C-alpha cells in the first residue's frame, strides 16, 4: 500500500492515516512449523509464538507505523516482563 493511500475502517469510514484506526496494533510474530513428509498432509504449527517487537518499535521506543506498531515495552508488559 502506498503511503498516501486512504484506508477504510470496518464500518467503511475512510481515514487518511492508519493511526486514526481505533485499536489498531501491528504485531510481527513467528512460530515453529513442521513440514509434512507427504504432499497430501497439512503442516503442523506449534501453539506458542515468538513476538518480534523490535521490528515494530522505533529507536525512541514508540510504535512504528504512525504509532500502530507493538512496542517492546508493551510486549514485555503483556508477557509479564520476561
PDB file of N, CA and C in Angstrom:
ATOM      1  N   UNK A   1       0.839  -1.166   0.000  1.00  0.00           N
ATOM      2  CA  UNK A   1       0.000   0.000   0.000  1.00  0.00           C
ATOM      3  C   UNK A   1       0.887   1.231   0.000  1.00  0.00           C
ATOM      4  N   UNK A   2       0.601   2.185  -0.842  1.00  0.00           N
ATOM      5  CA  UNK A   2       1.365   3.415  -0.899  1.00  0.00           C
ATOM      6  C   UNK A   2       1.045   4.283   0.311  1.00  0.00           C
ATOM      7  N   UNK A   3       2.041   5.060   0.749  1.00  0.00           N
ATOM      8  CA  UNK A   3       1.889   5.873   1.952  1.00  0.00           C
ATOM      9  C   UNK A   3       0.760   6.889   1.848  1.00  0.00           C
ATOM     10  N   UNK A   4       0.433   7.346   0.653  1.00  0.00           N
ATOM     11  CA  UNK A   4      -0.590   8.377   0.525  1.00  0.00           C
ATOM     12  C   UNK A   4      -1.980   7.815   0.233  1.00  0.00           C
ATOM     13  N   UNK A   5      -2.150   6.511   0.270  1.00  0.00           N
ATOM     14  CA  UNK A   5      -3.458   5.918   0.030  1.00  0.00           C
ATOM     15  C   UNK A   5      -4.321   6.011   1.275  1.00  0.00           C
ATOM     16  N   UNK A   6      -5.614   6.268   1.081  1.00  0.00           N
ATOM     17  CA  UNK A   6      -6.553   6.251   2.195  1.00  0.00           C
ATOM     18  C   UNK A   6      -6.847   4.812   2.575  1.00  0.00           C
ATOM     19  N   UNK A   7      -7.255   4.624   3.820  1.00  0.00           N
ATOM     20  CA  UNK A   7      -7.577   3.298   4.316  1.00  0.00           C
ATOM     21  C   UNK A   7      -8.981   3.330   4.879  1.00  0.00           C
ATOM     22  N   UNK A   8      -9.638   2.190   4.937  1.00  0.00           N
ATOM     23  CA  UNK A   8     -11.014   2.121   5.428  1.00  0.00           C
ATOM     24  C   UNK A   8     -11.075   1.365   6.742  1.00  0.00           C
ATOM     25  N   UNK A   9     -11.951   1.844   7.634  1.00  0.00           N
ATOM     26  CA  UNK A   9     -12.235   1.127   8.866  1.00  0.00           C
ATOM     27  C   UNK A   9     -13.302   0.090   8.563  1.00  0.00           C
ATOM     28  N   UNK A  10     -13.578  -0.777   9.532  1.00  0.00           N
ATOM     29  CA  UNK A  10     -14.549  -1.851   9.308  1.00  0.00           C
ATOM     30  C   UNK A  10     -15.946  -1.336   9.017  1.00  0.00           C
ATOM     31  N   UNK A  11     -16.260  -0.110   9.468  1.00  0.00           N
ATOM     32  CA  UNK A  11     -17.584   0.448   9.193  1.00  0.00           C
ATOM     33  C   UNK A  11     -17.638   1.190   7.863  1.00  0.00           C
ATOM     34  N   UNK A  12     -16.529   1.172   7.116  1.00  0.00           N
ATOM     35  CA  UNK A  12     -16.477   1.817   5.815  1.00  0.00           C
ATOM     36  C   UNK A  12     -15.959   3.245   5.849  1.00  0.00           C
ATOM     37  N   UNK A  13     -15.730   3.796   7.047  1.00  0.00           N
ATOM     38  CA  UNK A  13     -15.204   5.146   7.170  1.00  0.00           C
ATOM     39  C   UNK A  13     -13.793   5.194   6.606  1.00  0.00           C
ATOM     40  N   UNK A  14     -13.519   6.147   5.738  1.00  0.00           N
ATOM     41  CA  UNK A  14     -12.201   6.287   5.143  1.00  0.00           C
ATOM     42  C   UNK A  14     -11.357   7.189   6.034  1.00  0.00           C
ATOM     43  N   UNK A  15     -10.143   6.754   6.339  1.00  0.00           N
ATOM     44  CA  UNK A  15      -9.211   7.541   7.137  1.00  0.00           C
ATOM     45  C   UNK A  15      -7.952   7.790   6.321  1.00  0.00           C
ATOM     46  N   UNK A  16      -7.310   8.898   6.598  1.00  0.00           N
ATOM     47  CA  UNK A  16      -6.097   9.253   5.857  1.00  0.00           C
ATOM     48  C   UNK A  16      -4.845   8.623   6.458  1.00  0.00           C
ATOM     49  N   UNK A  17      -4.837   8.410   7.769  1.00  0.00           N
ATOM     50  CA  UNK A  17      -3.677   7.853   8.456  1.00  0.00           C
ATOM     51  C   UNK A  17      -4.077   6.618   9.247  1.00  0.00           C
ATOM     52  N   UNK A  18      -3.254   5.598   9.230  1.00  0.00           N
ATOM     53  CA  UNK A  18      -3.582   4.371   9.961  1.00  0.00           C
ATOM     54  C   UNK A  18      -3.695   4.606  11.463  1.00  0.00           C
ATOM     55  N   UNK A  19      -3.040   5.645  11.990  1.00  0.00           N
ATOM     56  CA  UNK A  19      -3.134   5.954  13.411  1.00  0.00           C
ATOM     57  C   UNK A  19      -4.555   6.365  13.806  1.00  0.00           C
ATOM     58  N   UNK A  20      -5.387   6.699  12.830  1.00  0.00           N
ATOM     59  CA  UNK A  20      -6.769   7.088  13.097  1.00  0.00           C
ATOM     60  C   UNK A  20      -7.686   5.877  13.255  1.00  0.00           C
ATOM     61  N   UNK A  21      -7.182   4.678  13.044  1.00  0.00           N
ATOM     62  CA  UNK A  21      -7.985   3.466  13.184  1.00  0.00           C
ATOM     63  C   UNK A  21      -7.913   3.020  14.643  1.00  0.00           C
ATOM     64  N   UNK A  22      -8.995   3.216  15.370  1.00  0.00           N
ATOM     65  CA  UNK A  22      -9.023   2.892  16.791  1.00  0.00           C
ATOM     66  C   UNK A  22      -8.672   1.430  17.035  1.00  0.00           C
ATOM     67  N   UNK A  23      -7.776   1.204  17.989  1.00  0.00           N
ATOM     68  CA  UNK A  23      -7.448  -0.154  18.405  1.00  0.00           C
ATOM     69  C   UNK A  23      -6.497  -0.905  17.489  1.00  0.00           C
ATOM     70  N   UNK A  24      -5.988  -0.263  16.436  1.00  0.00           N
ATOM     71  CA  UNK A  24      -5.080  -0.959  15.518  1.00  0.00           C
ATOM     72  C   UNK A  24      -3.696  -1.080  16.139  1.00  0.00           C
ATOM     73  N   UNK A  25      -3.238  -2.299  16.311  1.00  0.00           N
ATOM     74  CA  UNK A  25      -1.876  -2.571  16.746  1.00  0.00           C
ATOM     75  C   UNK A  25      -1.310  -3.645  15.828  1.00  0.00           C
ATOM     76  N   UNK A  26      -0.124  -3.394  15.299  1.00  0.00           N
ATOM     77  CA  UNK A  26       0.522  -4.312  14.371  1.00  0.00           C
ATOM     78  C   UNK A  26       1.556  -5.133  15.136  1.00  0.00           C
ATOM     79  N   UNK A  27       1.478  -6.457  15.001  1.00  0.00           N
ATOM     80  CA  UNK A  27       2.412  -7.391  15.625  1.00  0.00           C
ATOM     81  C   UNK A  27       3.175  -8.125  14.517  1.00  0.00           C
ATOM     82  N   UNK A  28       4.417  -8.489  14.800  1.00  0.00           N
ATOM     83  CA  UNK A  28       5.164  -9.409  13.949  1.00  0.00           C
ATOM     84  C   UNK A  28       5.502 -10.604  14.828  1.00  0.00           C
ATOM     85  N   UNK A  29       5.020 -11.768  14.424  1.00  0.00           N
ATOM     86  CA  UNK A  29       5.229 -12.983  15.223  1.00  0.00           C
ATOM     87  C   UNK A  29       5.736 -14.105  14.328  1.00  0.00           C
ATOM     88  N   UNK A  30       6.294 -15.115  14.975  1.00  0.00           N
ATOM     89  CA  UNK A  30       6.690 -16.325  14.253  1.00  0.00           C
ATOM     90  C   UNK A  30       6.426 -17.516  15.163  1.00  0.00           C
ATOM     91  N   UNK A  31       6.313 -18.668  14.563  1.00  0.00           N
ATOM     92  CA  UNK A  31       6.226 -19.907  15.334  1.00  0.00           C
ATOM     93  C   UNK A  31       6.825 -21.048  14.504  1.00  0.00           C
ATOM     94  N   UNK A  32       7.113 -22.137  15.194  1.00  0.00           N
ATOM     95  CA  UNK A  32       7.719 -23.284  14.521  1.00  0.00           C
ATOM     96  C   UNK A  32       6.655 -24.063  13.758  1.00  0.00           C
ATOM     97  N   UNK A  33       7.048 -24.527  12.582  1.00  0.00           N
ATOM     98  CA  UNK A  33       6.162 -25.302  11.716  1.00  0.00           C
ATOM     99  C   UNK A  33       6.887 -26.576  11.306  1.00  0.00           C
ATOM    100  N   UNK A  34       6.189 -27.687  11.416  1.00  0.00           N
ATOM    101  CA  UNK A  34       6.736 -28.956  10.942  1.00  0.00           C
ATOM    102  C   UNK A  34       6.123 -29.259   9.587  1.00  0.00           C
ATOM    103  N   UNK A  35       6.974 -29.385   8.599  1.00  0.00           N
ATOM    104  CA  UNK A  35       6.520 -29.670   7.241  1.00  0.00           C
ATOM    105  C   UNK A  35       6.257 -31.162   7.122  1.00  0.00           C
ATOM    106  N   UNK A  36       5.109 -31.533   6.567  1.00  0.00           N
ATOM    107  CA  UNK A  36       4.776 -32.958   6.475  1.00  0.00           C
ATOM    108  C   UNK A  36       5.659 -33.692   5.467  1.00  0.00           C
ATOM    109  N   UNK A  37       5.799 -34.974   5.694  1.00  0.00           N
ATOM    110  CA  UNK A  37       6.575 -35.820   4.781  1.00  0.00           C
ATOM    111  C   UNK A  37       5.801 -36.038   3.479  1.00  0.00           C
ATOM    112  N   UNK A  38       4.489 -36.208   3.606  1.00  0.00           N
ATOM    113  CA  UNK A  38       3.654 -36.484   2.441  1.00  0.00           C
ATOM    114  C   UNK A  38       3.001 -35.202   1.928  1.00  0.00           C
ATOM    115  N   UNK A  39       2.943 -35.054   0.615  1.00  0.00           N
ATOM    116  CA  UNK A  39       2.386 -33.859  -0.005  1.00  0.00           C
ATOM    117  C   UNK A  39       0.909 -33.638   0.322  1.00  0.00           C
ATOM    118  N   UNK A  40       0.189 -34.696   0.649  1.00  0.00           N
ATOM    119  CA  UNK A  40      -1.252 -34.550   0.888  1.00  0.00           C
ATOM    120  C   UNK A  40      -1.573 -34.240   2.353  1.00  0.00           C
ATOM    121  N   UNK A  41      -0.555 -34.025   3.191  1.00  0.00           N
ATOM    122  CA  UNK A  41      -0.750 -33.691   4.601  1.00  0.00           C
ATOM    123  C   UNK A  41      -0.539 -32.197   4.823  1.00  0.00           C
ATOM    124  N   UNK A  42      -1.127 -31.705   5.916  1.00  0.00           N
ATOM    125  CA  UNK A  42      -1.002 -30.295   6.256  1.00  0.00           C
ATOM    126  C   UNK A  42       0.179 -30.097   7.203  1.00  0.00           C
ATOM    127  N   UNK A  43       0.795 -28.908   7.183  1.00  0.00           N
ATOM    128  CA  UNK A  43       1.859 -28.632   8.144  1.00  0.00           C
ATOM    129  C   UNK A  43       1.296 -28.575   9.568  1.00  0.00           C
ATOM    130  N   UNK A  44       2.141 -28.815  10.544  1.00  0.00           N
ATOM    131  CA  UNK A  44       1.758 -28.740  11.955  1.00  0.00           C
ATOM    132  C   UNK A  44       2.418 -27.504  12.558  1.00  0.00           C
ATOM    133  N   UNK A  45       1.604 -26.629  13.136  1.00  0.00           N
ATOM    134  CA  UNK A  45       2.084 -25.378  13.721  1.00  0.00           C
ATOM    135  C   UNK A  45       2.136 -25.498  15.240  1.00  0.00           C
ATOM    136  N   UNK A  46       3.231 -25.064  15.844  1.00  0.00           N
ATOM    137  CA  UNK A  46       3.331 -25.011  17.296  1.00  0.00           C
ATOM    138  C   UNK A  46       2.316 -23.999  17.825  1.00  0.00           C
ATOM    139  N   UNK A  47       1.825 -24.218  19.043  1.00  0.00           N
ATOM    140  CA  UNK A  47       0.841 -23.306  19.623  1.00  0.00           C
ATOM    141  C   UNK A  47       1.464 -21.997  20.086  1.00  0.00           C
ATOM    142  N   UNK A  48       2.707 -22.029  20.530  1.00  0.00           N
ATOM    143  CA  UNK A  48       3.345 -20.815  21.037  1.00  0.00           C
ATOM    144  C   UNK A  48       3.944 -20.001  19.894  1.00  0.00           C
ATOM    145  N   UNK A  49       3.925 -18.687  20.068  1.00  0.00           N
ATOM    146  CA  UNK A  49       4.508 -17.791  19.080  1.00  0.00           C
ATOM    147  C   UNK A  49       5.555 -16.923  19.752  1.00  0.00           C
ATOM    148  N   UNK A  50       6.516 -16.485  18.982  1.00  0.00           N
ATOM    149  CA  UNK A  50       7.515 -15.525  19.441  1.00  0.00           C
ATOM    150  C   UNK A  50       7.143 -14.167  18.871  1.00  0.00           C
ATOM    151  N   UNK A  51       7.062 -13.161  19.752  1.00  0.00           N
ATOM    152  CA  UNK A  51       6.760 -11.793  19.319  1.00  0.00           C
ATOM    153  C   UNK A  51       8.077 -11.097  19.007  1.00  0.00           C
ATOM    154  N   UNK A  52       8.148 -10.451  17.854  1.00  0.00           N
ATOM    155  CA  UNK A  52       9.349  -9.737  17.423  1.00  0.00           C
ATOM    156  C   UNK A  52       9.069  -8.230  17.485  1.00  0.00           C
ATOM    157  N   UNK A  53       8.950  -7.718  18.716  1.00  0.00           N
ATOM    158  CA  UNK A  53       8.588  -6.311  18.915  1.00  0.00           C
ATOM    159  C   UNK A  53       9.658  -5.349  18.410  1.00  0.00           C
ATOM    160  N   UNK A  54      10.893  -5.790  18.309  1.00  0.00           N
ATOM    161  CA  UNK A  54      11.945  -4.913  17.794  1.00  0.00           C
ATOM    162  C   UNK A  54      11.633  -4.451  16.371  1.00  0.00           C
ATOM    163  N   UNK A  55      10.887  -5.247  15.641  1.00  0.00           N
ATOM    164  CA  UNK A  55      10.520  -4.906  14.266  1.00  0.00           C
ATOM    165  C   UNK A  55       9.507  -3.766  14.230  1.00  0.00           C
ATOM    166  N   UNK A  56       8.645  -3.680  15.249  1.00  0.00           N
ATOM    167  CA  UNK A  56       7.563  -2.690  15.242  1.00  0.00           C
ATOM    168  C   UNK A  56       7.783  -1.559  16.248  1.00  0.00           C
ATOM    169  N   UNK A  57       9.013  -1.474  16.815  1.00  0.00           N
ATOM    170  CA  UNK A  57       9.350  -0.418  17.766  1.00  0.00           C
ATOM    171  C   UNK A  57      10.396   0.500  17.156  1.00  0.00           C
ATOM    172  N   UNK A  58      10.124   1.822  17.186  1.00  0.00           N
ATOM    173  CA  UNK A  58      11.109   2.808  16.747  1.00  0.00           C
ATOM    174  C   UNK A  58      12.251   2.885  17.758  1.00  0.00           C
ATOM    175  N   UNK A  59      13.378   3.460  17.353  1.00  0.00           N
ATOM    176  CA  UNK A  59      14.523   3.599  18.250  1.00  0.00           C
ATOM    177  C   UNK A  59      14.176   4.406  19.501  1.00  0.00           C
ATOM    178  N   UNK A  60      13.228   5.340  19.389  1.00  0.00           N
ATOM    179  CA  UNK A  60      12.853   6.158  20.542  1.00  0.00           C
ATOM    180  C   UNK A  60      11.820   5.474  21.442  1.00  0.00           C
ATOM    181  N   UNK A  61      11.437   4.222  21.120  1.00  0.00           N
ATOM    182  CA  UNK A  61      10.522   3.455  21.958  1.00  0.00           C
ATOM    183  C   UNK A  61       9.065   3.535  21.568  1.00  0.00           C
ATOM    184  N   UNK A  62       8.730   4.377  20.597  1.00  0.00           N
ATOM    185  CA  UNK A  62       7.341   4.470  20.149  1.00  0.00           C
ATOM    186  C   UNK A  62       7.063   3.417  19.086  1.00  0.00           C
ATOM    187  N   UNK A  63       5.790   3.181  18.828  1.00  0.00           N
ATOM    188  CA  UNK A  63       5.413   2.200  17.816  1.00  0.00           C
ATOM    189  C   UNK A  63       5.628   2.713  16.411  1.00  0.00           C
ATOM    190  N   UNK A  64       6.185   1.878  15.548  1.00  0.00           N
ATOM    191  CA  UNK A  64       6.339   2.236  14.133  1.00  0.00           C
ATOM    192  C   UNK A  64       4.959   2.354  13.483  1.00  0.00           C
ATOM    193  N   UNK A  65       4.913   2.834  12.267  1.00  0.00           N
ATOM    194  CA  UNK A  65       3.658   2.908  11.519  1.00  0.00           C
ATOM    195  C   UNK A  65       2.664   3.862  12.147  1.00  0.00           C
ATOM    196  N   UNK A  66       3.093   5.104  12.350  1.00  0.00           N
ATOM    197  CA  UNK A  66       2.225   6.131  12.946  1.00  0.00           C
ATOM    198  C   UNK A  66       1.737   5.722  14.327  1.00  0.00           C
ATOM    199  N   UNK A  67       2.580   5.021  15.084  1.00  0.00           N
ATOM    200  CA  UNK A  67       2.235   4.635  16.437  1.00  0.00           C
ATOM    201  C   UNK A  67       1.410   3.370  16.549  1.00  0.00           C
ATOM    202  N   UNK A  68       1.187   2.676  15.437  1.00  0.00           N
ATOM    203  CA  UNK A  68       0.358   1.472  15.477  1.00  0.00           C
ATOM    204  C   UNK A  68       1.151   0.210  15.768  1.00  0.00           C
ATOM    205  N   UNK A  69       2.469   0.284  15.751  1.00  0.00           N
ATOM    206  CA  UNK A  69       3.289  -0.903  15.995  1.00  0.00           C
ATOM    207  C   UNK A  69       3.360  -1.253  17.472  1.00  0.00           C
ATOM    208  N   UNK A  70       3.346  -2.537  17.775  1.00  0.00           N
ATOM    209  CA  UNK A  70       3.517  -3.013  19.135  1.00  0.00           C
ATOM    210  C   UNK A  70       4.917  -2.628  19.596  1.00  0.00           C
ATOM    211  N   UNK A  71       5.033  -1.979  20.743  1.00  0.00           N
ATOM    212  CA  UNK A  71       6.355  -1.582  21.231  1.00  0.00           C
ATOM    213  C   UNK A  71       6.951  -2.688  22.091  1.00  0.00           C
ATOM    214  N   UNK A  72       8.265  -2.617  22.255  1.00  0.00           N
ATOM    215  CA  UNK A  72       8.941  -3.597  23.096  1.00  0.00           C
ATOM    216  C   UNK A  72       8.402  -3.530  24.520  1.00  0.00           C
ATOM    217  N   UNK A  73       8.129  -2.322  25.025  1.00  0.00           N
ATOM    218  CA  UNK A  73       7.594  -2.165  26.382  1.00  0.00           C
ATOM    219  C   UNK A  73       6.226  -2.830  26.508  1.00  0.00           C
ATOM    220  N   UNK A  74       5.377  -2.677  25.490  1.00  0.00           N
ATOM    221  CA  UNK A  74       4.057  -3.319  25.515  1.00  0.00           C
ATOM    222  C   UNK A  74       4.184  -4.835  25.471  1.00  0.00           C
ATOM    223  N   UNK A  75       5.118  -5.335  24.675  1.00  0.00           N
ATOM    224  CA  UNK A  75       5.324  -6.785  24.585  1.00  0.00           C
ATOM    225  C   UNK A  75       5.840  -7.332  25.910  1.00  0.00           C
ATOM    226  N   UNK A  76       6.760  -6.600  26.546  1.00  0.00           N
ATOM    227  CA  UNK A  76       7.283  -7.027  27.848  1.00  0.00           C
ATOM    228  C   UNK A  76       6.178  -7.045  28.894  1.00  0.00           C
ATOM    229  N   UNK A  77       5.334  -6.031  28.888  1.00  0.00           N
ATOM    230  CA  UNK A  77       4.232  -5.947  29.848  1.00  0.00           C
ATOM    231  C   UNK A  77       3.257  -7.102  29.634  1.00  0.00           C
ATOM    232  N   UNK A  78       2.943  -7.406  28.391  1.00  0.00           N
ATOM    233  CA  UNK A  78       1.999  -8.481  28.077  1.00  0.00           C
ATOM    234  C   UNK A  78       2.537  -9.855  28.488  1.00  0.00           C
ATOM    235  N   UNK A  79       3.857 -10.007  28.436  1.00  0.00           N
ATOM    236  CA  UNK A  79       4.458 -11.303  28.776  1.00  0.00           C
ATOM    237  C   UNK A  79       4.869 -11.374  30.241  1.00  0.00           C
ATOM    238  N   UNK A  80       4.491 -10.373  31.022  1.00  0.00           N
ATOM    239  CA  UNK A  80       4.837 -10.381  32.439  1.00  0.00           C
ATOM    240  C   UNK A  80       6.231  -9.882  32.730  1.00  0.00           C
ATOM    241  N   UNK A  81       6.801  -9.152  31.749  1.00  0.00           N
ATOM    242  CA  UNK A  81       8.122  -8.574  31.954  1.00  0.00           C
ATOM    243  C   UNK A  81       9.287  -9.486  31.666  1.00  0.00           C
ATOM    244  N   UNK A  82       9.024 -10.640  31.070  1.00  0.00           N
ATOM    245  CA  UNK A  82      10.106 -11.577  30.779  1.00  0.00           C
ATOM    246  C   UNK A  82      10.760 -11.262  29.468  1.00  0.00           C
TER     247      UNK A  82
END
